[in-house]
Amino acid sequence: MIDFGHILLFVAIVSPLAVLFRTARRGGDPGWRRVALLVLFVTGIAWFFRPNYAGFVGGAAWFLLLFLPAIVFRKAAELARIGRFGGARRALGLLRPLHPAAGLREHVAFIDAMETQWRTRGVLQPFSLPRRNSIFGDPAAAIMPGVMTFVTLNVAMFIAEIALGGSTNSRTLHRLGALEPYPVLAFGQYWRLITAPFLHYGSLHLFLNIFALYYFGRTLESAIGTLRFMIVYIVAGIGSCAEVALLWRFGWLHADQLVGASGAVMGVVGAWAGLLLRDRREALASQRLQHIASIVVIQTVFDIITPQVSMAAHLGGFTTGLLAGFALAPPRRTREPAALGI
């Protein structure tokens, strides 16, 4: 079973390092560097004295000092954008104990400038912020039919798991179609290549995959269309399972039972890489390819240090999605709106 504390520890280390790398490379508010270092320090102290609880301590520090301020800063800007300046200032006031004063002063000054413009001109357009729902761009809508279809299917299958014996019951997962290489190759149960990506081992496993699907999937679906997106997702899921089965067949991998949508989600990321490689001269293509490379590296490192996670499934899904992105990419003009996102 996936250890929640292990995941939190990974986040509490990787996320601050990413903040340090980004601020060192692009500059910006030095307050973020200080809080990132503080999160790493707290996590390190917890690991030294209580390693079994280091993930929870570091995760709490990450949530309070990095994640929560980022969300509140964005919310304050959105409140100011619609003229609710008092609410924006109250939101920033909640962060005084959690974030360095310099960062808060910068955001307060931004809101003051917006309010001044609102009072003098009655408009806010020059200060309105682009939505950044994904590192790949801004989806055309908050809810995309393809993404919601797969979210619904994953949740429905999870409910079926619970009703039939439990989501961590290996016999239940076997009956519902978990990937088991021996039955697939020896008895031709190839349908397991399709069903396994819709099953999950526990609620945490389901939540993480649905979150990733929602985060990455909406932008891809907006760019290539619902039908192409659904094909990419299904093909990537099958490809990830097929790679696991083949590696097992040649004795390079030991996996008795495998479930989860993460291979298909990595296929979504791979499809984006395929689209961007086809249109390397597109605005921000190089930057987004770097983001994709960082996702693959972080995911691979996590797979290596987490025995319960299948690196083969993730890389197989990514590779299949990459090829699908090349094959199914629509004409460039139909992807132009999504390419404008930042």
C-alpha atoms as a PDB file:
ATOM      1  CA  MET A   1       0.000   0.000   0.000  1.00  0.00           C
ATOM      2  CA  ILE A   2       1.224   3.522  -0.839  1.00  0.00           C
ATOM      3  CA  ASP A   3       2.508   5.328   2.254  1.00  0.00           C
ATOM      4  CA  PHE A   4       0.929   8.787   2.587  1.00  0.00           C
ATOM      5  CA  GLY A   5       3.806   9.982   4.784  1.00  0.00           C
ATOM      6  CA  HIS A   6       6.259   8.910   2.092  1.00  0.00           C
ATOM      7  CA  ILE A   7       4.408  10.984  -0.511  1.00  0.00           C
ATOM      8  CA  LEU A   8       4.322  14.027   1.776  1.00  0.00           C
ATOM      9  CA  LEU A   9       8.045  13.699   2.431  1.00  0.00           C
ATOM     10  CA  PHE A  10       8.716  13.618  -1.292  1.00  0.00           C
ATOM     11  CA  VAL A  11       6.564  16.726  -1.837  1.00  0.00           C
ATOM     12  CA  ALA A  12       8.190  18.541   1.107  1.00  0.00           C
ATOM     13  CA  ILE A  13      11.595  18.035  -0.503  1.00  0.00           C
ATOM     14  CA  VAL A  14      10.916  18.364  -4.231  1.00  0.00           C
ATOM     15  CA  SER A  15       8.544  21.341  -4.117  1.00  0.00           C
ATOM     16  CA  PRO A  16      10.914  23.667  -2.169  1.00  0.00           C
ATOM     17  CA  LEU A  17      13.802  22.597  -4.409  1.00  0.00           C
ATOM     18  CA  ALA A  18      11.689  23.495  -7.454  1.00  0.00           C
ATOM     19  CA  VAL A  19      10.936  26.910  -5.920  1.00  0.00           C
ATOM     20  CA  LEU A  20      14.638  27.505  -5.252  1.00  0.00           C
ATOM     21  CA  PHE A  21      15.548  26.506  -8.798  1.00  0.00           C
ATOM     22  CA  ARG A  22      12.857  28.707 -10.341  1.00  0.00           C
ATOM     23  CA  THR A  23      13.663  31.793  -8.268  1.00  0.00           C
ATOM     24  CA  ALA A  24      17.409  31.369  -8.797  1.00  0.00           C
ATOM     25  CA  ARG A  25      16.916  31.079 -12.544  1.00  0.00           C
ATOM     26  CA  ARG A  26      14.283  33.762 -13.112  1.00  0.00           C
ATOM     27  CA  GLY A  27      14.615  35.986 -10.056  1.00  0.00           C
ATOM     28  CA  GLY A  28      11.527  37.161  -8.215  1.00  0.00           C
ATOM     29  CA  ASP A  29      10.444  37.570  -4.620  1.00  0.00           C
ATOM     30  CA  PRO A  30      13.319  36.443  -2.341  1.00  0.00           C
ATOM     31  CA  GLY A  31      10.688  35.669   0.298  1.00  0.00           C
ATOM     32  CA  TRP A  32       9.807  32.484  -1.581  1.00  0.00           C
ATOM     33  CA  ARG A  33      13.434  31.382  -1.360  1.00  0.00           C
ATOM     34  CA  ARG A  34      13.442  31.936   2.388  1.00  0.00           C
ATOM     35  CA  VAL A  35      10.261  29.988   3.022  1.00  0.00           C
ATOM     36  CA  ALA A  36      11.455  27.188   0.695  1.00  0.00           C
ATOM     37  CA  LEU A  37      14.653  26.915   2.708  1.00  0.00           C
ATOM     38  CA  LEU A  38      12.614  26.945   5.913  1.00  0.00           C
ATOM     39  CA  VAL A  39      10.466  24.043   4.689  1.00  0.00           C
ATOM     40  CA  LEU A  40      13.600  22.057   3.853  1.00  0.00           C
ATOM     41  CA  PHE A  41      15.086  22.898   7.248  1.00  0.00           C
ATOM     42  CA  VAL A  42      11.959  21.821   9.145  1.00  0.00           C
ATOM     43  CA  THR A  43      11.758  18.618   7.118  1.00  0.00           C
ATOM     44  CA  GLY A  44      15.419  17.871   7.746  1.00  0.00           C
ATOM     45  CA  ILE A  45      15.093  18.415  11.496  1.00  0.00           C
ATOM     46  CA  ALA A  46      12.032  16.177  11.608  1.00  0.00           C
ATOM     47  CA  TRP A  47      13.873  13.486   9.659  1.00  0.00           C
ATOM     48  CA  PHE A  48      16.810  13.652  12.058  1.00  0.00           C
ATOM     49  CA  PHE A  49      14.754  13.336  15.250  1.00  0.00           C
ATOM     50  CA  ARG A  50      11.579  11.506  14.123  1.00  0.00           C
ATOM     51  CA  PRO A  51      12.044   9.965  10.652  1.00  0.00           C
ATOM     52  CA  ASN A  52       8.717   8.124  10.831  1.00  0.00           C
ATOM     53  CA  TYR A  53       6.874  11.443  11.136  1.00  0.00           C
ATOM     54  CA  ALA A  54       9.122  13.553   8.886  1.00  0.00           C
ATOM     55  CA  GLY A  55       6.716  13.348   5.962  1.00  0.00           C
ATOM     56  CA  PHE A  56       3.786  14.650   7.986  1.00  0.00           C
ATOM     57  CA  VAL A  57       5.849  17.432   9.607  1.00  0.00           C
ATOM     58  CA  GLY A  58       7.451  18.463   6.315  1.00  0.00           C
ATOM     59  CA  GLY A  59       4.119  18.177   4.504  1.00  0.00           C
ATOM     60  CA  ALA A  60       2.470  20.458   7.046  1.00  0.00           C
ATOM     61  CA  ALA A  61       5.282  22.998   6.654  1.00  0.00           C
ATOM     62  CA  TRP A  62       4.969  22.815   2.870  1.00  0.00           C
ATOM     63  CA  PHE A  63       1.193  23.312   3.029  1.00  0.00           C
ATOM     64  CA  LEU A  64       1.340  26.286   5.408  1.00  0.00           C
ATOM     65  CA  LEU A  65       4.389  28.084   3.991  1.00  0.00           C
ATOM     66  CA  LEU A  66       4.300  27.353   0.258  1.00  0.00           C
ATOM     67  CA  PHE A  67       1.017  25.894  -0.952  1.00  0.00           C
ATOM     68  CA  LEU A  68      -1.435  27.972   1.111  1.00  0.00           C
ATOM     69  CA  PRO A  69       0.274  31.355   0.421  1.00  0.00           C
ATOM     70  CA  ALA A  70       0.332  30.628  -3.323  1.00  0.00           C
ATOM     71  CA  ILE A  71      -3.398  29.874  -3.286  1.00  0.00           C
ATOM     72  CA  VAL A  72      -4.220  32.941  -1.176  1.00  0.00           C
ATOM     73  CA  PHE A  73      -2.115  35.264  -3.343  1.00  0.00           C
ATOM     74  CA  ARG A  74      -3.960  34.054  -6.428  1.00  0.00           C
ATOM     75  CA  LYS A  75      -7.341  34.366  -4.705  1.00  0.00           C
ATOM     76  CA  ALA A  76      -6.540  37.882  -3.501  1.00  0.00           C
ATOM     77  CA  ALA A  77      -5.639  38.927  -7.042  1.00  0.00           C
ATOM     78  CA  GLU A  78      -8.873  37.436  -8.373  1.00  0.00           C
ATOM     79  CA  LEU A  79     -10.907  39.270  -5.721  1.00  0.00           C
ATOM     80  CA  ALA A  80      -9.198  42.534  -6.605  1.00  0.00           C
ATOM     81  CA  ARG A  81      -9.790  41.896 -10.300  1.00  0.00           C
ATOM     82  CA  ILE A  82     -13.566  41.971  -9.723  1.00  0.00           C
ATOM     83  CA  GLY A  83     -13.371  45.026  -7.461  1.00  0.00           C
ATOM     84  CA  ARG A  84     -13.491  43.309  -4.024  1.00  0.00           C
ATOM     85  CA  PHE A  85     -10.411  45.087  -2.668  1.00  0.00           C
ATOM     86  CA  GLY A  86     -11.373  44.760   0.999  1.00  0.00           C
ATOM     87  CA  GLY A  87     -11.673  41.008   0.681  1.00  0.00           C
ATOM     88  CA  ALA A  88      -8.334  40.860  -1.137  1.00  0.00           C
ATOM     89  CA  ARG A  89      -6.592  42.753   1.671  1.00  0.00           C
ATOM     90  CA  ARG A  90      -8.199  40.566   4.345  1.00  0.00           C
ATOM     91  CA  ALA A  91      -6.998  37.472   2.509  1.00  0.00           C
ATOM     92  CA  LEU A  92      -3.455  38.816   2.415  1.00  0.00           C
ATOM     93  CA  GLY A  93      -3.694  39.726   6.088  1.00  0.00           C
ATOM     94  CA  LEU A  94      -4.136  36.042   6.932  1.00  0.00           C
ATOM     95  CA  LEU A  95      -0.659  35.384   5.541  1.00  0.00           C
ATOM     96  CA  ARG A  96       1.253  37.805   7.772  1.00  0.00           C
ATOM     97  CA  PRO A  97       2.458  35.054  10.130  1.00  0.00           C
ATOM     98  CA  LEU A  98       3.311  32.749   7.220  1.00  0.00           C
ATOM     99  CA  HIS A  99       5.052  34.785   4.544  1.00  0.00           C
ATOM    100  CA  PRO A 100       7.889  37.376   4.580  1.00  0.00           C
ATOM    101  CA  ALA A 101       6.784  41.010   4.640  1.00  0.00           C
ATOM    102  CA  ALA A 102       8.441  41.858   1.304  1.00  0.00           C
ATOM    103  CA  GLY A 103       6.225  39.467  -0.608  1.00  0.00           C
ATOM    104  CA  LEU A 104       3.101  40.762   1.082  1.00  0.00           C
ATOM    105  CA  ARG A 105       4.037  44.390   0.408  1.00  0.00           C
ATOM    106  CA  GLU A 106       4.424  43.610  -3.294  1.00  0.00           C
ATOM    107  CA  HIS A 107       0.950  42.086  -3.488  1.00  0.00           C
ATOM    108  CA  VAL A 108      -0.622  44.874  -1.428  1.00  0.00           C
ATOM    109  CA  ALA A 109       0.954  47.432  -3.773  1.00  0.00           C
ATOM    110  CA  PHE A 110      -0.456  45.537  -6.731  1.00  0.00           C
ATOM    111  CA  ILE A 111      -3.948  45.639  -5.216  1.00  0.00           C
ATOM    112  CA  ASP A 112      -3.567  49.346  -4.388  1.00  0.00           C
ATOM    113  CA  ALA A 113      -2.689  50.016  -8.035  1.00  0.00           C
ATOM    114  CA  MET A 114      -5.740  48.082  -9.184  1.00  0.00           C
ATOM    115  CA  GLU A 115      -8.010  49.993  -6.785  1.00  0.00           C
ATOM    116  CA  THR A 116      -6.574  53.330  -7.941  1.00  0.00           C
ATOM    117  CA  GLN A 117      -7.266  52.429 -11.534  1.00  0.00           C
ATOM    118  CA  TRP A 118     -10.755  51.234 -10.622  1.00  0.00           C
ATOM    119  CA  ARG A 119     -11.587  54.538  -8.920  1.00  0.00           C
ATOM    120  CA  THR A 120     -10.051  56.803 -11.569  1.00  0.00           C
ATOM    121  CA  ARG A 121     -10.972  54.963 -14.774  1.00  0.00           C
ATOM    122  CA  GLY A 122     -13.609  52.465 -13.777  1.00  0.00           C
ATOM    123  CA  VAL A 123     -11.757  49.612 -15.521  1.00  0.00           C
ATOM    124  CA  LEU A 124      -9.300  46.921 -14.504  1.00  0.00           C
ATOM    125  CA  GLN A 125      -8.320  45.385 -17.829  1.00  0.00           C
ATOM    126  CA  PRO A 126      -4.588  46.320 -17.817  1.00  0.00           C
ATOM    127  CA  PHE A 127      -4.159  44.598 -14.465  1.00  0.00           C
ATOM    128  CA  SER A 128      -6.282  41.491 -15.027  1.00  0.00           C
ATOM    129  CA  LEU A 129      -4.328  38.283 -14.518  1.00  0.00           C
ATOM    130  CA  PRO A 130      -4.147  35.351 -16.925  1.00  0.00           C
ATOM    131  CA  ARG A 131      -5.558  32.132 -15.532  1.00  0.00           C
ATOM    132  CA  ARG A 132      -2.876  29.512 -15.008  1.00  0.00           C
ATOM    133  CA  ASN A 133      -4.719  26.282 -14.607  1.00  0.00           C
ATOM    134  CA  SER A 134      -1.926  24.256 -16.157  1.00  0.00           C
ATOM    135  CA  ILE A 135       1.726  24.688 -17.024  1.00  0.00           C
ATOM    136  CA  PHE A 136       0.711  23.823 -20.598  1.00  0.00           C
ATOM    137  CA  GLY A 137      -1.832  26.622 -21.024  1.00  0.00           C
ATOM    138  CA  ASP A 138      -5.362  27.681 -20.239  1.00  0.00           C
ATOM    139  CA  PRO A 139      -8.187  25.261 -21.115  1.00  0.00           C
ATOM    140  CA  ALA A 140     -11.176  26.596 -22.992  1.00  0.00           C
ATOM    141  CA  ALA A 141     -13.548  25.585 -20.178  1.00  0.00           C
ATOM    142  CA  ALA A 142     -13.367  24.548 -16.534  1.00  0.00           C
ATOM    143  CA  ILE A 143     -15.210  21.294 -17.305  1.00  0.00           C
ATOM    144  CA  MET A 144     -14.262  19.218 -20.329  1.00  0.00           C
ATOM    145  CA  PRO A 145     -16.489  16.261 -21.300  1.00  0.00           C
ATOM    146  CA  GLY A 146     -13.670  13.803 -21.957  1.00  0.00           C
ATOM    147  CA  VAL A 147     -11.923  14.492 -18.657  1.00  0.00           C
ATOM    148  CA  MET A 148     -15.181  14.299 -16.719  1.00  0.00           C
ATOM    149  CA  THR A 149     -16.089  11.030 -18.444  1.00  0.00           C
ATOM    150  CA  PHE A 150     -12.864   9.399 -17.282  1.00  0.00           C
ATOM    151  CA  VAL A 151     -13.146  10.899 -13.798  1.00  0.00           C
ATOM    152  CA  THR A 152     -16.674   9.486 -13.543  1.00  0.00           C
ATOM    153  CA  LEU A 153     -15.558   6.049 -14.772  1.00  0.00           C
ATOM    154  CA  ASN A 154     -12.696   5.927 -12.264  1.00  0.00           C
ATOM    155  CA  VAL A 155     -14.965   6.908  -9.386  1.00  0.00           C
ATOM    156  CA  ALA A 156     -17.658   4.433 -10.492  1.00  0.00           C
ATOM    157  CA  MET A 157     -15.144   1.593 -10.608  1.00  0.00           C
ATOM    158  CA  PHE A 158     -13.837   2.568  -7.180  1.00  0.00           C
ATOM    159  CA  ILE A 159     -17.373   2.398  -5.783  1.00  0.00           C
ATOM    160  CA  ALA A 160     -17.703  -1.053  -7.373  1.00  0.00           C
ATOM    161  CA  GLU A 161     -14.457  -2.128  -5.696  1.00  0.00           C
ATOM    162  CA  ILE A 162     -15.771  -1.090  -2.301  1.00  0.00           C
ATOM    163  CA  ALA A 163     -19.133  -2.774  -2.884  1.00  0.00           C
ATOM    164  CA  LEU A 164     -17.540  -6.054  -3.978  1.00  0.00           C
ATOM    165  CA  GLY A 165     -15.014  -6.467  -1.189  1.00  0.00           C
ATOM    166  CA  GLY A 166     -12.775  -3.439  -0.859  1.00  0.00           C
ATOM    167  CA  SER A 167     -10.380  -1.418  -2.980  1.00  0.00           C
ATOM    168  CA  THR A 168      -7.344  -3.076  -1.350  1.00  0.00           C
ATOM    169  CA  ASN A 169      -8.679  -6.612  -1.686  1.00  0.00           C
ATOM    170  CA  SER A 170      -6.550  -8.422  -4.284  1.00  0.00           C
ATOM    171  CA  ARG A 171      -9.346 -10.894  -5.067  1.00  0.00           C
ATOM    172  CA  THR A 172     -11.788  -8.050  -5.744  1.00  0.00           C
ATOM    173  CA  LEU A 173      -9.279  -6.298  -7.987  1.00  0.00           C
ATOM    174  CA  HIS A 174      -8.651  -9.564  -9.835  1.00  0.00           C
ATOM    175  CA  ARG A 175     -12.349 -10.049 -10.543  1.00  0.00           C
ATOM    176  CA  LEU A 176     -12.777  -6.470 -11.747  1.00  0.00           C
ATOM    177  CA  GLY A 177      -9.853  -6.661 -14.170  1.00  0.00           C
ATOM    178  CA  ALA A 178      -6.547  -5.753 -12.521  1.00  0.00           C
ATOM    179  CA  LEU A 179      -3.504  -6.226 -14.742  1.00  0.00           C
ATOM    180  CA  GLU A 180      -1.955  -9.624 -14.003  1.00  0.00           C
ATOM    181  CA  PRO A 181       0.680 -10.491 -16.601  1.00  0.00           C
ATOM    182  CA  TYR A 182       0.365 -14.261 -16.326  1.00  0.00           C
ATOM    183  CA  PRO A 183      -3.395 -14.484 -17.117  1.00  0.00           C
ATOM    184  CA  VAL A 184      -2.938 -11.904 -19.880  1.00  0.00           C
ATOM    185  CA  LEU A 185      -0.143 -13.768 -21.649  1.00  0.00           C
ATOM    186  CA  ALA A 186      -1.024 -17.362 -20.771  1.00  0.00           C
ATOM    187  CA  PHE A 187      -4.806 -17.248 -21.153  1.00  0.00           C
ATOM    188  CA  GLY A 188      -5.313 -14.299 -23.482  1.00  0.00           C
ATOM    189  CA  GLN A 189      -7.099 -12.076 -20.958  1.00  0.00           C
ATOM    190  CA  TYR A 190      -6.163  -8.971 -22.921  1.00  0.00           C
ATOM    191  CA  TRP A 191      -9.219  -7.100 -21.659  1.00  0.00           C
ATOM    192  CA  ARG A 192      -7.229  -6.512 -18.465  1.00  0.00           C
ATOM    193  CA  LEU A 193      -5.081  -4.050 -20.422  1.00  0.00           C
ATOM    194  CA  ILE A 194      -8.179  -1.854 -20.708  1.00  0.00           C
ATOM    195  CA  THR A 195      -9.786  -2.357 -17.288  1.00  0.00           C
ATOM    196  CA  ALA A 196      -6.693  -2.044 -15.068  1.00  0.00           C
ATOM    197  CA  PRO A 197      -6.258   1.744 -15.613  1.00  0.00           C
ATOM    198  CA  PHE A 198      -9.758   2.318 -14.185  1.00  0.00           C
ATOM    199  CA  LEU A 199      -9.079   0.484 -10.886  1.00  0.00           C
ATOM    200  CA  HIS A 200      -7.303   1.947  -7.862  1.00  0.00           C
ATOM    201  CA  TYR A 201      -5.718   0.641  -4.696  1.00  0.00           C
ATOM    202  CA  GLY A 202      -7.205   2.801  -1.958  1.00  0.00           C
ATOM    203  CA  SER A 203      -8.734   6.272  -1.870  1.00  0.00           C
ATOM    204  CA  LEU A 204      -5.380   8.111  -1.855  1.00  0.00           C
ATOM    205  CA  HIS A 205      -4.362   6.363  -5.071  1.00  0.00           C
ATOM    206  CA  LEU A 206      -7.669   7.391  -6.680  1.00  0.00           C
ATOM    207  CA  PHE A 207      -7.449  10.997  -5.496  1.00  0.00           C
ATOM    208  CA  LEU A 208      -3.911  11.560  -6.775  1.00  0.00           C
ATOM    209  CA  ASN A 209      -4.693  10.183 -10.221  1.00  0.00           C
ATOM    210  CA  ILE A 210      -7.974  12.095 -10.569  1.00  0.00           C
ATOM    211  CA  PHE A 211      -6.251  15.313  -9.523  1.00  0.00           C
ATOM    212  CA  ALA A 212      -3.494  14.792 -12.103  1.00  0.00           C
ATOM    213  CA  LEU A 213      -6.035  13.876 -14.794  1.00  0.00           C
ATOM    214  CA  TYR A 214      -8.072  17.019 -14.097  1.00  0.00           C
ATOM    215  CA  TYR A 215      -4.979  19.243 -13.966  1.00  0.00           C
ATOM    216  CA  PHE A 216      -3.300  18.049 -17.162  1.00  0.00           C
ATOM    217  CA  GLY A 217      -6.218  16.613 -19.093  1.00  0.00           C
ATOM    218  CA  ARG A 218      -8.396  19.708 -19.518  1.00  0.00           C
ATOM    219  CA  THR A 219      -5.749  21.637 -21.416  1.00  0.00           C
ATOM    220  CA  LEU A 220      -4.921  18.753 -23.731  1.00  0.00           C
ATOM    221  CA  GLU A 221      -8.588  18.110 -24.461  1.00  0.00           C
ATOM    222  CA  SER A 222      -9.108  21.807 -25.155  1.00  0.00           C
ATOM    223  CA  ALA A 223      -6.209  21.735 -27.617  1.00  0.00           C
ATOM    224  CA  ILE A 224      -6.903  18.540 -29.587  1.00  0.00           C
ATOM    225  CA  GLY A 225     -10.617  17.922 -29.058  1.00  0.00           C
ATOM    226  CA  THR A 226     -12.605  15.480 -26.958  1.00  0.00           C
ATOM    227  CA  LEU A 227     -12.457  12.477 -29.301  1.00  0.00           C
ATOM    228  CA  ARG A 228      -8.693  12.685 -29.826  1.00  0.00           C
ATOM    229  CA  PHE A 229      -8.145  13.202 -26.117  1.00  0.00           C
ATOM    230  CA  MET A 230     -10.175  10.128 -25.212  1.00  0.00           C
ATOM    231  CA  ILE A 231      -8.272   8.047 -27.762  1.00  0.00           C
ATOM    232  CA  VAL A 232      -4.942   9.242 -26.353  1.00  0.00           C
ATOM    233  CA  TYR A 233      -5.989   8.436 -22.792  1.00  0.00           C
ATOM    234  CA  ILE A 234      -7.244   4.928 -23.586  1.00  0.00           C
ATOM    235  CA  VAL A 235      -4.327   4.051 -25.872  1.00  0.00           C
ATOM    236  CA  ALA A 236      -1.808   5.314 -23.303  1.00  0.00           C
ATOM    237  CA  GLY A 237      -3.459   3.246 -20.588  1.00  0.00           C
ATOM    238  CA  ILE A 238      -3.285   0.140 -22.769  1.00  0.00           C
ATOM    239  CA  GLY A 239       0.307   0.913 -23.732  1.00  0.00           C
ATOM    240  CA  SER A 240       1.408   1.283 -20.123  1.00  0.00           C
ATOM    241  CA  CYS A 241      -0.140  -2.074 -19.191  1.00  0.00           C
ATOM    242  CA  ALA A 242       1.260  -3.775 -22.291  1.00  0.00           C
ATOM    243  CA  GLU A 243       4.782  -2.658 -21.439  1.00  0.00           C
ATOM    244  CA  VAL A 244       4.459  -4.056 -17.920  1.00  0.00           C
ATOM    245  CA  ALA A 245       3.214  -7.389 -19.306  1.00  0.00           C
ATOM    246  CA  LEU A 246       6.037  -7.612 -21.837  1.00  0.00           C
ATOM    247  CA  LEU A 247       8.725  -6.760 -19.291  1.00  0.00           C
ATOM    248  CA  TRP A 248       7.263  -9.425 -17.014  1.00  0.00           C
ATOM    249  CA  ARG A 249       7.324 -11.913 -19.895  1.00  0.00           C
ATOM    250  CA  PHE A 250      11.077 -11.450 -20.382  1.00  0.00           C
ATOM    251  CA  GLY A 251      11.784 -11.584 -16.653  1.00  0.00           C
ATOM    252  CA  TRP A 252      12.790  -7.936 -16.384  1.00  0.00           C
ATOM    253  CA  LEU A 253       9.956  -6.996 -14.046  1.00  0.00           C
ATOM    254  CA  HIS A 254       8.162  -8.639 -11.149  1.00  0.00           C
ATOM    255  CA  ALA A 255       4.526  -7.494 -10.950  1.00  0.00           C
ATOM    256  CA  ASP A 256       1.795  -9.877  -9.885  1.00  0.00           C
ATOM    257  CA  GLN A 257      -1.007  -7.301  -9.925  1.00  0.00           C
ATOM    258  CA  LEU A 258      -1.160  -3.714 -11.146  1.00  0.00           C
ATOM    259  CA  VAL A 259      -3.928  -1.083 -11.113  1.00  0.00           C
ATOM    260  CA  GLY A 260      -4.181   2.659 -11.558  1.00  0.00           C
ATOM    261  CA  ALA A 261      -4.693   5.470 -14.073  1.00  0.00           C
ATOM    262  CA  SER A 262      -1.245   7.010 -13.660  1.00  0.00           C
ATOM    263  CA  GLY A 263       0.086   5.376 -16.838  1.00  0.00           C
ATOM    264  CA  ALA A 264      -2.773   6.919 -18.827  1.00  0.00           C
ATOM    265  CA  VAL A 265      -2.189  10.287 -17.135  1.00  0.00           C
ATOM    266  CA  MET A 266       1.491  10.135 -18.051  1.00  0.00           C
ATOM    267  CA  GLY A 267       0.247   9.429 -21.568  1.00  0.00           C
ATOM    268  CA  VAL A 268      -1.556  12.780 -21.467  1.00  0.00           C
ATOM    269  CA  VAL A 269       1.750  14.443 -20.557  1.00  0.00           C
ATOM    270  CA  GLY A 270       3.494  12.496 -23.311  1.00  0.00           C
ATOM    271  CA  ALA A 271       0.876  13.583 -25.854  1.00  0.00           C
ATOM    272  CA  TRP A 272       1.614  17.198 -24.978  1.00  0.00           C
ATOM    273  CA  ALA A 273       5.280  16.510 -25.618  1.00  0.00           C
ATOM    274  CA  GLY A 274       4.363  15.047 -29.007  1.00  0.00           C
ATOM    275  CA  LEU A 275       2.305  18.113 -29.923  1.00  0.00           C
ATOM    276  CA  LEU A 276       5.073  20.478 -28.882  1.00  0.00           C
ATOM    277  CA  LEU A 277       7.773  18.521 -30.707  1.00  0.00           C
ATOM    278  CA  ARG A 278       5.693  18.701 -33.878  1.00  0.00           C
ATOM    279  CA  ASP A 279       5.404  22.482 -33.485  1.00  0.00           C
ATOM    280  CA  ARG A 280       8.735  23.374 -31.898  1.00  0.00           C
ATOM    281  CA  ARG A 281       8.557  26.944 -33.214  1.00  0.00           C
ATOM    282  CA  GLU A 282       5.254  27.610 -31.452  1.00  0.00           C
ATOM    283  CA  ALA A 283       5.304  30.278 -28.731  1.00  0.00           C
ATOM    284  CA  LEU A 284       6.412  28.881 -25.352  1.00  0.00           C
ATOM    285  CA  ALA A 285       7.000  25.393 -26.837  1.00  0.00           C
ATOM    286  CA  SER A 286      10.551  25.194 -25.509  1.00  0.00           C
ATOM    287  CA  GLN A 287       9.498  26.307 -22.016  1.00  0.00           C
ATOM    288  CA  ARG A 288       6.684  23.770 -21.880  1.00  0.00           C
ATOM    289  CA  LEU A 289       8.944  20.974 -23.081  1.00  0.00           C
ATOM    290  CA  GLN A 290      11.261  21.811 -20.191  1.00  0.00           C
ATOM    291  CA  HIS A 291       8.291  21.541 -17.833  1.00  0.00           C
ATOM    292  CA  ILE A 292       7.452  18.141 -19.274  1.00  0.00           C
ATOM    293  CA  ALA A 293      11.045  16.987 -18.858  1.00  0.00           C
ATOM    294  CA  SER A 294      10.964  18.064 -15.208  1.00  0.00           C
ATOM    295  CA  ILE A 295       7.701  16.138 -14.674  1.00  0.00           C
ATOM    296  CA  VAL A 296       9.242  12.978 -16.126  1.00  0.00           C
ATOM    297  CA  VAL A 297      12.384  13.347 -14.021  1.00  0.00           C
ATOM    298  CA  ILE A 298      10.444  13.973 -10.796  1.00  0.00           C
ATOM    299  CA  GLN A 299       8.067  11.088 -11.510  1.00  0.00           C
ATOM    300  CA  THR A 300      10.996   8.756 -12.258  1.00  0.00           C
ATOM    301  CA  VAL A 301      12.777   9.693  -9.048  1.00  0.00           C
ATOM    302  CA  PHE A 302       9.578   9.114  -7.092  1.00  0.00           C
ATOM    303  CA  ASP A 303       9.117   5.730  -8.775  1.00  0.00           C
ATOM    304  CA  ILE A 304      12.662   4.695  -7.898  1.00  0.00           C
ATOM    305  CA  ILE A 305      12.290   5.484  -4.199  1.00  0.00           C
ATOM    306  CA  THR A 306       8.736   4.114  -3.951  1.00  0.00           C
ATOM    307  CA  PRO A 307       8.655   0.342  -4.489  1.00  0.00           C
ATOM    308  CA  GLN A 308       4.840   0.241  -4.637  1.00  0.00           C
ATOM    309  CA  VAL A 309       4.808   2.429  -7.774  1.00  0.00           C
ATOM    310  CA  SER A 310       5.484   1.046 -11.263  1.00  0.00           C
ATOM    311  CA  MET A 311       8.053   3.075 -13.183  1.00  0.00           C
ATOM    312  CA  ALA A 312       7.549   0.796 -16.196  1.00  0.00           C
ATOM    313  CA  ALA A 313       3.845   1.661 -16.373  1.00  0.00           C
ATOM    314  CA  HIS A 314       4.551   5.391 -16.165  1.00  0.00           C
ATOM    315  CA  LEU A 315       7.281   5.374 -18.812  1.00  0.00           C
ATOM    316  CA  GLY A 316       5.209   3.072 -21.017  1.00  0.00           C
ATOM    317  CA  GLY A 317       2.229   5.406 -20.784  1.00  0.00           C
ATOM    318  CA  PHE A 318       4.387   8.448 -21.487  1.00  0.00           C
ATOM    319  CA  THR A 319       5.995   6.835 -24.545  1.00  0.00           C
ATOM    320  CA  THR A 320       2.641   5.677 -25.923  1.00  0.00           C
ATOM    321  CA  GLY A 321       1.156   9.139 -25.363  1.00  0.00           C
ATOM    322  CA  LEU A 322       4.148  10.738 -27.072  1.00  0.00           C
ATOM    323  CA  LEU A 323       3.588   8.637 -30.196  1.00  0.00           C
ATOM    324  CA  ALA A 324      -0.155   9.290 -30.054  1.00  0.00           C
ATOM    325  CA  GLY A 325       0.516  13.015 -29.818  1.00  0.00           C
ATOM    326  CA  PHE A 326       2.486  12.852 -33.052  1.00  0.00           C
ATOM    327  CA  ALA A 327      -0.131  10.722 -34.783  1.00  0.00           C
ATOM    328  CA  LEU A 328      -3.325  12.445 -33.643  1.00  0.00           C
ATOM    329  CA  ALA A 329      -2.271  16.092 -33.531  1.00  0.00           C
ATOM    330  CA  PRO A 330      -4.870  18.215 -35.362  1.00  0.00           C
ATOM    331  CA  PRO A 331      -3.843  20.953 -37.794  1.00  0.00           C
ATOM    332  CA  ARG A 332      -2.021  23.713 -35.961  1.00  0.00           C
ATOM    333  CA  ARG A 333      -4.676  26.371 -36.590  1.00  0.00           C
ATOM    334  CA  THR A 334      -7.224  24.412 -34.524  1.00  0.00           C
ATOM    335  CA  ARG A 335      -4.919  24.470 -31.511  1.00  0.00           C
ATOM    336  CA  GLU A 336      -4.194  28.189 -31.585  1.00  0.00           C
ATOM    337  CA  PRO A 337      -6.482  29.268 -28.689  1.00  0.00           C
ATOM    338  CA  ALA A 338      -4.879  26.891 -26.201  1.00  0.00           C
ATOM    339  CA  ALA A 339      -1.402  27.870 -27.383  1.00  0.00           C
ATOM    340  CA  LEU A 340      -2.045  31.415 -26.176  1.00  0.00           C
ATOM    341  CA  GLY A 341      -2.188  30.321 -22.535  1.00  0.00           C
ATOM    342  CA  ILE A 342       0.799  30.925 -20.270  1.00  0.00           C
END
